[in-house]
């Protein structure tokens, strides 16, 4: 089973994402901020996480979105391309497709 961490300060969004992705045989860990995410990854082995979805803003429009990141790629992260973001609000199908392309 693959583990994904979702970072968002909105508990409704965390619940929506967790419920949507649980059906796809993924373990979902939710945290409310980057500090909690870092503490959890430090306590665990960060390689245990297949993907992080981090609450962010798209580069040009500054609209709320999720930015995907693989813990192993933290040194080479490019956040300049809007196509790499999942803009909010999104449908369950959009979320599942977005995640499947990245895990």
C-alpha atoms as a PDB file:
ATOM      1  CA  UNK A   1       0.000   0.000   0.000  1.00  0.00           C
ATOM      2  CA  UNK A   2       1.279   3.456  -0.909  1.00  0.00           C
ATOM      3  CA  UNK A   3       1.206   6.273   1.629  1.00  0.00           C
ATOM      4  CA  UNK A   4       0.310   9.844   0.735  1.00  0.00           C
ATOM      5  CA  UNK A   5       0.506  12.823   3.069  1.00  0.00           C
ATOM      6  CA  UNK A   6      -1.985  15.659   2.622  1.00  0.00           C
ATOM      7  CA  UNK A   7      -1.078  19.072   4.084  1.00  0.00           C
ATOM      8  CA  UNK A   8      -3.920  21.584   4.348  1.00  0.00           C
ATOM      9  CA  UNK A   9      -5.184  23.875   7.100  1.00  0.00           C
ATOM     10  CA  UNK A  10      -8.815  23.269   6.091  1.00  0.00           C
ATOM     11  CA  UNK A  11     -10.183  20.212   7.880  1.00  0.00           C
ATOM     12  CA  UNK A  12     -13.043  19.883   5.365  1.00  0.00           C
ATOM     13  CA  UNK A  13     -10.561  19.619   2.492  1.00  0.00           C
ATOM     14  CA  UNK A  14      -8.497  17.067   4.404  1.00  0.00           C
ATOM     15  CA  UNK A  15     -11.587  14.960   5.022  1.00  0.00           C
ATOM     16  CA  UNK A  16     -12.729  15.223   1.386  1.00  0.00           C
ATOM     17  CA  UNK A  17      -9.329  14.197   0.034  1.00  0.00           C
ATOM     18  CA  UNK A  18      -8.883  11.382   2.555  1.00  0.00           C
ATOM     19  CA  UNK A  19     -12.316   9.947   1.780  1.00  0.00           C
ATOM     20  CA  UNK A  20     -11.816  10.237  -1.978  1.00  0.00           C
ATOM     21  CA  UNK A  21      -8.423   8.557  -2.037  1.00  0.00           C
ATOM     22  CA  UNK A  22      -9.092   5.842   0.524  1.00  0.00           C
ATOM     23  CA  UNK A  23     -11.130   3.962  -2.030  1.00  0.00           C
ATOM     24  CA  UNK A  24      -8.048   3.578  -4.209  1.00  0.00           C
ATOM     25  CA  UNK A  25      -6.125   1.418  -1.732  1.00  0.00           C
ATOM     26  CA  UNK A  26      -3.917   4.260  -0.522  1.00  0.00           C
ATOM     27  CA  UNK A  27      -2.975   5.043   3.047  1.00  0.00           C
ATOM     28  CA  UNK A  28      -3.716   8.704   3.662  1.00  0.00           C
ATOM     29  CA  UNK A  29      -2.019  10.742   6.378  1.00  0.00           C
ATOM     30  CA  UNK A  30      -3.434  14.220   6.971  1.00  0.00           C
ATOM     31  CA  UNK A  31      -1.778  17.142   8.736  1.00  0.00           C
ATOM     32  CA  UNK A  32      -2.816  20.765   9.171  1.00  0.00           C
ATOM     33  CA  UNK A  33       0.464  22.544   8.473  1.00  0.00           C
ATOM     34  CA  UNK A  34       3.993  22.202   7.135  1.00  0.00           C
ATOM     35  CA  UNK A  35       5.498  21.959  10.617  1.00  0.00           C
ATOM     36  CA  UNK A  36       3.387  18.902  11.442  1.00  0.00           C
ATOM     37  CA  UNK A  37       4.352  17.388   8.088  1.00  0.00           C
ATOM     38  CA  UNK A  38       8.061  17.880   8.731  1.00  0.00           C
ATOM     39  CA  UNK A  39       7.814  16.506  12.274  1.00  0.00           C
ATOM     40  CA  UNK A  40       5.975  13.432  11.063  1.00  0.00           C
ATOM     41  CA  UNK A  41       8.405  12.841   8.214  1.00  0.00           C
ATOM     42  CA  UNK A  42      11.337  13.298  10.584  1.00  0.00           C
ATOM     43  CA  UNK A  43       9.847  10.776  13.019  1.00  0.00           C
ATOM     44  CA  UNK A  44       9.143   8.323  10.220  1.00  0.00           C
ATOM     45  CA  UNK A  45      11.398   7.615   7.315  1.00  0.00           C
ATOM     46  CA  UNK A  46      10.433  10.165   4.658  1.00  0.00           C
ATOM     47  CA  UNK A  47      10.905   7.444   2.057  1.00  0.00           C
ATOM     48  CA  UNK A  48       7.773   5.816   3.482  1.00  0.00           C
ATOM     49  CA  UNK A  49       5.760   8.514   1.701  1.00  0.00           C
ATOM     50  CA  UNK A  50       5.058   8.064  -1.980  1.00  0.00           C
ATOM     51  CA  UNK A  51       3.663  11.569  -2.416  1.00  0.00           C
ATOM     52  CA  UNK A  52       2.947  14.778  -0.534  1.00  0.00           C
ATOM     53  CA  UNK A  53       0.051  17.032  -1.549  1.00  0.00           C
ATOM     54  CA  UNK A  54       0.736  20.465  -0.120  1.00  0.00           C
ATOM     55  CA  UNK A  55      -1.805  23.283   0.114  1.00  0.00           C
ATOM     56  CA  UNK A  56      -0.387  26.088  -1.982  1.00  0.00           C
ATOM     57  CA  UNK A  57      -1.194  28.784  -4.535  1.00  0.00           C
ATOM     58  CA  UNK A  58      -0.751  28.496  -8.289  1.00  0.00           C
ATOM     59  CA  UNK A  59       2.196  30.603  -9.483  1.00  0.00           C
ATOM     60  CA  UNK A  60       0.460  33.006 -11.875  1.00  0.00           C
ATOM     61  CA  UNK A  61      -3.135  33.189 -10.725  1.00  0.00           C
ATOM     62  CA  UNK A  62      -2.462  32.730  -6.990  1.00  0.00           C
ATOM     63  CA  UNK A  63      -5.531  30.507  -6.723  1.00  0.00           C
ATOM     64  CA  UNK A  64      -5.633  27.809  -4.031  1.00  0.00           C
ATOM     65  CA  UNK A  65      -4.315  24.462  -5.208  1.00  0.00           C
ATOM     66  CA  UNK A  66      -2.439  21.330  -4.192  1.00  0.00           C
ATOM     67  CA  UNK A  67       1.185  21.013  -5.201  1.00  0.00           C
ATOM     68  CA  UNK A  68       2.473  17.439  -5.446  1.00  0.00           C
ATOM     69  CA  UNK A  69       5.939  16.588  -4.212  1.00  0.00           C
ATOM     70  CA  UNK A  70       7.858  13.369  -3.817  1.00  0.00           C
ATOM     71  CA  UNK A  71      10.022  13.466  -0.667  1.00  0.00           C
ATOM     72  CA  UNK A  72      13.002  12.178  -2.641  1.00  0.00           C
ATOM     73  CA  UNK A  73      12.771  15.142  -5.030  1.00  0.00           C
ATOM     74  CA  UNK A  74      12.823  17.972  -2.500  1.00  0.00           C
ATOM     75  CA  UNK A  75      16.047  19.440  -3.889  1.00  0.00           C
ATOM     76  CA  UNK A  76      14.774  19.738  -7.465  1.00  0.00           C
ATOM     77  CA  UNK A  77      11.259  21.088  -7.022  1.00  0.00           C
ATOM     78  CA  UNK A  78       9.937  23.408  -9.748  1.00  0.00           C
ATOM     79  CA  UNK A  79       6.847  25.343  -8.691  1.00  0.00           C
ATOM     80  CA  UNK A  80       6.604  27.621 -11.733  1.00  0.00           C
ATOM     81  CA  UNK A  81       4.275  25.561 -13.925  1.00  0.00           C
ATOM     82  CA  UNK A  82       0.526  25.902 -13.261  1.00  0.00           C
ATOM     83  CA  UNK A  83      -0.044  22.498 -14.912  1.00  0.00           C
ATOM     84  CA  UNK A  84       1.746  20.837 -11.972  1.00  0.00           C
ATOM     85  CA  UNK A  85      -0.918  22.081  -9.539  1.00  0.00           C
ATOM     86  CA  UNK A  86      -4.366  20.685  -8.792  1.00  0.00           C
ATOM     87  CA  UNK A  87      -6.473  23.820  -8.572  1.00  0.00           C
ATOM     88  CA  UNK A  88      -9.204  23.976  -5.938  1.00  0.00           C
ATOM     89  CA  UNK A  89     -12.058  23.256  -5.998  1.00  0.00           C
ATOM     90  CA  UNK A  90     -11.653  19.920  -7.735  1.00  0.00           C
ATOM     91  CA  UNK A  91     -13.827  16.897  -8.304  1.00  0.00           C
ATOM     92  CA  UNK A  92     -13.167  13.470  -6.875  1.00  0.00           C
ATOM     93  CA  UNK A  93     -12.304  12.248 -10.376  1.00  0.00           C
ATOM     94  CA  UNK A  94      -9.824  15.100 -10.934  1.00  0.00           C
ATOM     95  CA  UNK A  95      -8.152  14.355  -7.606  1.00  0.00           C
ATOM     96  CA  UNK A  96      -7.840  10.633  -8.282  1.00  0.00           C
ATOM     97  CA  UNK A  97      -6.469  11.226 -11.790  1.00  0.00           C
ATOM     98  CA  UNK A  98      -3.987  13.810 -10.490  1.00  0.00           C
ATOM     99  CA  UNK A  99      -2.697  11.470  -7.792  1.00  0.00           C
ATOM    100  CA  UNK A 100      -2.549   8.392 -10.022  1.00  0.00           C
ATOM    101  CA  UNK A 101      -0.312  10.252 -12.486  1.00  0.00           C
ATOM    102  CA  UNK A 102       2.155  10.943  -9.686  1.00  0.00           C
ATOM    103  CA  UNK A 103       2.326   7.687  -7.732  1.00  0.00           C
END
